[in-house]
């Protein structure tokens, strides 16, 4: 359920035309959070 909510929030941000820099920052934060919770698999997301 949390994943669906995050996807909805990201879509909403896209519709509001948030800058690319903000998206990169947000993705880095989400990747870091996933790394803390999921270990190495989450950490790999921050490299993209």
PDB file of N, CA and C in Angstrom:
ATOM      1  N   UNK A   1       0.830  -1.208   0.000  1.00  0.00           N
ATOM      2  CA  UNK A   1       0.000   0.000   0.000  1.00  0.00           C
ATOM      3  C   UNK A   1       0.867   1.262   0.000  1.00  0.00           C
ATOM      4  N   UNK A   2       1.960   1.241   0.758  1.00  0.00           N
ATOM      5  CA  UNK A   2       2.840   2.407   0.800  1.00  0.00           C
ATOM      6  C   UNK A   2       3.431   2.705  -0.568  1.00  0.00           C
ATOM      7  N   UNK A   3       3.786   1.644  -1.311  1.00  0.00           N
ATOM      8  CA  UNK A   3       4.380   1.832  -2.635  1.00  0.00           C
ATOM      9  C   UNK A   3       3.391   2.526  -3.560  1.00  0.00           C
ATOM     10  N   UNK A   4       2.132   2.106  -3.509  1.00  0.00           N
ATOM     11  CA  UNK A   4       1.101   2.727  -4.348  1.00  0.00           C
ATOM     12  C   UNK A   4       0.943   4.204  -3.990  1.00  0.00           C
ATOM     13  N   UNK A   5       0.996   4.513  -2.703  1.00  0.00           N
ATOM     14  CA  UNK A   5       0.868   5.900  -2.260  1.00  0.00           C
ATOM     15  C   UNK A   5       2.039   6.738  -2.752  1.00  0.00           C
ATOM     16  N   UNK A   6       3.253   6.174  -2.680  1.00  0.00           N
ATOM     17  CA  UNK A   6       4.429   6.889  -3.164  1.00  0.00           C
ATOM     18  C   UNK A   6       4.333   7.151  -4.660  1.00  0.00           C
ATOM     19  N   UNK A   7       3.876   6.173  -5.418  1.00  0.00           N
ATOM     20  CA  UNK A   7       3.723   6.339  -6.869  1.00  0.00           C
ATOM     21  C   UNK A   7       2.710   7.440  -7.170  1.00  0.00           C
ATOM     22  N   UNK A   8       1.628   7.466  -6.406  1.00  0.00           N
ATOM     23  CA  UNK A   8       0.609   8.506  -6.592  1.00  0.00           C
ATOM     24  C   UNK A   8       1.196   9.887  -6.312  1.00  0.00           C
ATOM     25  N   UNK A   9       1.982   9.995  -5.240  1.00  0.00           N
ATOM     26  CA  UNK A   9       2.589  11.276  -4.893  1.00  0.00           C
ATOM     27  C   UNK A   9       3.577  11.720  -5.964  1.00  0.00           C
ATOM     28  N   UNK A  10       4.354  10.778  -6.504  1.00  0.00           N
ATOM     29  CA  UNK A  10       5.309  11.119  -7.552  1.00  0.00           C
ATOM     30  C   UNK A  10       4.592  11.583  -8.809  1.00  0.00           C
ATOM     31  N   UNK A  11       3.484  10.930  -9.146  1.00  0.00           N
ATOM     32  CA  UNK A  11       2.700  11.335 -10.309  1.00  0.00           C
ATOM     33  C   UNK A  11       2.141  12.737 -10.101  1.00  0.00           C
ATOM     34  N   UNK A  12       1.664  13.003  -8.882  1.00  0.00           N
ATOM     35  CA  UNK A  12       1.118  14.325  -8.564  1.00  0.00           C
ATOM     36  C   UNK A  12       2.198  15.393  -8.704  1.00  0.00           C
ATOM     37  N   UNK A  13       3.411  15.078  -8.260  1.00  0.00           N
ATOM     38  CA  UNK A  13       4.517  16.023  -8.400  1.00  0.00           C
ATOM     39  C   UNK A  13       4.814  16.292  -9.867  1.00  0.00           C
ATOM     40  N   UNK A  14       4.750  15.248 -10.706  1.00  0.00           N
ATOM     41  CA  UNK A  14       4.973  15.426 -12.140  1.00  0.00           C
ATOM     42  C   UNK A  14       3.940  16.377 -12.725  1.00  0.00           C
ATOM     43  N   UNK A  15       2.702  16.213 -12.330  1.00  0.00           N
ATOM     44  CA  UNK A  15       1.638  17.061 -12.850  1.00  0.00           C
ATOM     45  C   UNK A  15       1.819  18.510 -12.422  1.00  0.00           C
ATOM     46  N   UNK A  16       2.472  18.713 -11.311  1.00  0.00           N
ATOM     47  CA  UNK A  16       2.722  20.070 -10.820  1.00  0.00           C
ATOM     48  C   UNK A  16       4.011  20.653 -11.396  1.00  0.00           C
ATOM     49  N   UNK A  17       4.646  19.910 -12.303  1.00  0.00           N
ATOM     50  CA  UNK A  17       5.842  20.383 -13.006  1.00  0.00           C
ATOM     51  C   UNK A  17       6.980  20.757 -12.060  1.00  0.00           C
ATOM     52  N   UNK A  18       7.279  19.839 -11.139  1.00  0.00           N
ATOM     53  CA  UNK A  18       8.424  20.037 -10.255  1.00  0.00           C
ATOM     54  C   UNK A  18       9.701  19.908 -11.084  1.00  0.00           C
ATOM     55  N   UNK A  19      10.716  20.674 -10.741  1.00  0.00           N
ATOM     56  CA  UNK A  19      11.947  20.688 -11.528  1.00  0.00           C
ATOM     57  C   UNK A  19      12.677  19.351 -11.482  1.00  0.00           C
ATOM     58  N   UNK A  20      13.510  19.105 -12.492  1.00  0.00           N
ATOM     59  CA  UNK A  20      14.277  17.864 -12.577  1.00  0.00           C
ATOM     60  C   UNK A  20      15.208  17.712 -11.378  1.00  0.00           C
ATOM     61  N   UNK A  21      15.760  18.809 -10.915  1.00  0.00           N
ATOM     62  CA  UNK A  21      16.662  18.753  -9.763  1.00  0.00           C
ATOM     63  C   UNK A  21      15.924  18.239  -8.529  1.00  0.00           C
ATOM     64  N   UNK A  22      14.686  18.697  -8.344  1.00  0.00           N
ATOM     65  CA  UNK A  22      13.895  18.240  -7.214  1.00  0.00           C
ATOM     66  C   UNK A  22      13.619  16.754  -7.326  1.00  0.00           C
ATOM     67  N   UNK A  23      13.330  16.276  -8.550  1.00  0.00           N
ATOM     68  CA  UNK A  23      13.081  14.853  -8.754  1.00  0.00           C
ATOM     69  C   UNK A  23      14.311  14.032  -8.392  1.00  0.00           C
ATOM     70  N   UNK A  24      15.472  14.512  -8.792  1.00  0.00           N
ATOM     71  CA  UNK A  24      16.708  13.792  -8.479  1.00  0.00           C
ATOM     72  C   UNK A  24      16.930  13.737  -6.978  1.00  0.00           C
ATOM     73  N   UNK A  25      16.676  14.861  -6.310  1.00  0.00           N
ATOM     74  CA  UNK A  25      16.828  14.902  -4.855  1.00  0.00           C
ATOM     75  C   UNK A  25      15.853  13.947  -4.189  1.00  0.00           C
ATOM     76  N   UNK A  26      14.605  13.969  -4.652  1.00  0.00           N
ATOM     77  CA  UNK A  26      13.583  13.098  -4.085  1.00  0.00           C
ATOM     78  C   UNK A  26      13.931  11.632  -4.307  1.00  0.00           C
ATOM     79  N   UNK A  27      14.386  11.288  -5.496  1.00  0.00           N
ATOM     80  CA  UNK A  27      14.757   9.910  -5.793  1.00  0.00           C
ATOM     81  C   UNK A  27      15.926   9.461  -4.925  1.00  0.00           C
ATOM     82  N   UNK A  28      16.875  10.363  -4.680  1.00  0.00           N
ATOM     83  CA  UNK A  28      18.009  10.037  -3.827  1.00  0.00           C
ATOM     84  C   UNK A  28      17.549   9.777  -2.396  1.00  0.00           C
ATOM     85  N   UNK A  29      16.637  10.606  -1.913  1.00  0.00           N
ATOM     86  CA  UNK A  29      16.105  10.438  -0.557  1.00  0.00           C
ATOM     87  C   UNK A  29      15.334   9.131  -0.439  1.00  0.00           C
ATOM     88  N   UNK A  30      14.483   8.845  -1.435  1.00  0.00           N
ATOM     89  CA  UNK A  30      13.719   7.597  -1.416  1.00  0.00           C
ATOM     90  C   UNK A  30      14.646   6.395  -1.505  1.00  0.00           C
ATOM     91  N   UNK A  31      15.669   6.488  -2.342  1.00  0.00           N
ATOM     92  CA  UNK A  31      16.626   5.394  -2.478  1.00  0.00           C
ATOM     93  C   UNK A  31      17.369   5.155  -1.171  1.00  0.00           C
ATOM     94  N   UNK A  32      17.739   6.234  -0.494  1.00  0.00           N
ATOM     95  CA  UNK A  32      18.436   6.125   0.783  1.00  0.00           C
ATOM     96  C   UNK A  32      17.539   5.490   1.837  1.00  0.00           C
ATOM     97  N   UNK A  33      16.269   5.900   1.853  1.00  0.00           N
ATOM     98  CA  UNK A  33      15.312   5.334   2.803  1.00  0.00           C
ATOM     99  C   UNK A  33      15.131   3.839   2.548  1.00  0.00           C
ATOM    100  N   UNK A  34      15.056   3.456   1.274  1.00  0.00           N
ATOM    101  CA  UNK A  34      14.921   2.044   0.930  1.00  0.00           C
ATOM    102  C   UNK A  34      16.178   1.278   1.317  1.00  0.00           C
ATOM    103  N   UNK A  35      17.332   1.925   1.197  1.00  0.00           N
ATOM    104  CA  UNK A  35      18.587   1.283   1.569  1.00  0.00           C
ATOM    105  C   UNK A  35      18.596   0.969   3.064  1.00  0.00           C
ATOM    106  N   UNK A  36      18.088   1.900   3.862  1.00  0.00           N
ATOM    107  CA  UNK A  36      18.042   1.687   5.305  1.00  0.00           C
ATOM    108  C   UNK A  36      17.104   0.539   5.667  1.00  0.00           C
ATOM    109  N   UNK A  37      16.011   0.420   4.914  1.00  0.00           N
ATOM    110  CA  UNK A  37      15.012  -0.600   5.223  1.00  0.00           C
ATOM    111  C   UNK A  37      15.279  -1.932   4.537  1.00  0.00           C
ATOM    112  N   UNK A  38      15.794  -1.866   3.301  1.00  0.00           N
ATOM    113  CA  UNK A  38      15.928  -3.094   2.520  1.00  0.00           C
ATOM    114  C   UNK A  38      17.345  -3.567   2.287  1.00  0.00           C
ATOM    115  N   UNK A  39      18.328  -2.826   2.801  1.00  0.00           N
ATOM    116  CA  UNK A  39      19.703  -3.251   2.608  1.00  0.00           C
ATOM    117  C   UNK A  39      20.243  -2.876   1.237  1.00  0.00           C
ATOM    118  N   UNK A  40      21.098  -3.718   0.703  1.00  0.00           N
ATOM    119  CA  UNK A  40      21.822  -3.415  -0.537  1.00  0.00           C
ATOM    120  C   UNK A  40      20.894  -3.163  -1.717  1.00  0.00           C
ATOM    121  N   UNK A  41      19.790  -3.859  -1.788  1.00  0.00           N
ATOM    122  CA  UNK A  41      18.877  -3.691  -2.913  1.00  0.00           C
ATOM    123  C   UNK A  41      18.391  -2.240  -3.012  1.00  0.00           C
ATOM    124  N   UNK A  42      18.082  -1.632  -1.893  1.00  0.00           N
ATOM    125  CA  UNK A  42      17.655  -0.241  -1.885  1.00  0.00           C
ATOM    126  C   UNK A  42      18.803   0.697  -2.235  1.00  0.00           C
ATOM    127  N   UNK A  43      19.998   0.354  -1.772  1.00  0.00           N
ATOM    128  CA  UNK A  43      21.165   1.185  -2.028  1.00  0.00           C
ATOM    129  C   UNK A  43      21.446   1.290  -3.517  1.00  0.00           C
ATOM    130  N   UNK A  44      21.221   0.211  -4.264  1.00  0.00           N
ATOM    131  CA  UNK A  44      21.454   0.210  -5.708  1.00  0.00           C
ATOM    132  C   UNK A  44      20.586   1.245  -6.422  1.00  0.00           C
ATOM    133  N   UNK A  45      19.422   1.560  -5.877  1.00  0.00           N
ATOM    134  CA  UNK A  45      18.520   2.518  -6.509  1.00  0.00           C
ATOM    135  C   UNK A  45      19.121   3.920  -6.548  1.00  0.00           C
ATOM    136  N   UNK A  46      20.005   4.229  -5.594  1.00  0.00           N
ATOM    137  CA  UNK A  46      20.578   5.572  -5.533  1.00  0.00           C
ATOM    138  C   UNK A  46      21.617   5.793  -6.626  1.00  0.00           C
ATOM    139  N   UNK A  47      22.060   4.730  -7.282  1.00  0.00           N
ATOM    140  CA  UNK A  47      23.090   4.844  -8.304  1.00  0.00           C
ATOM    141  C   UNK A  47      22.533   5.236  -9.659  1.00  0.00           C
ATOM    142  N   UNK A  48      21.233   5.182  -9.829  1.00  0.00           N
ATOM    143  CA  UNK A  48      20.638   5.452 -11.142  1.00  0.00           C
ATOM    144  C   UNK A  48      20.417   6.935 -11.353  1.00  0.00           C
TER     145      UNK A  48
END
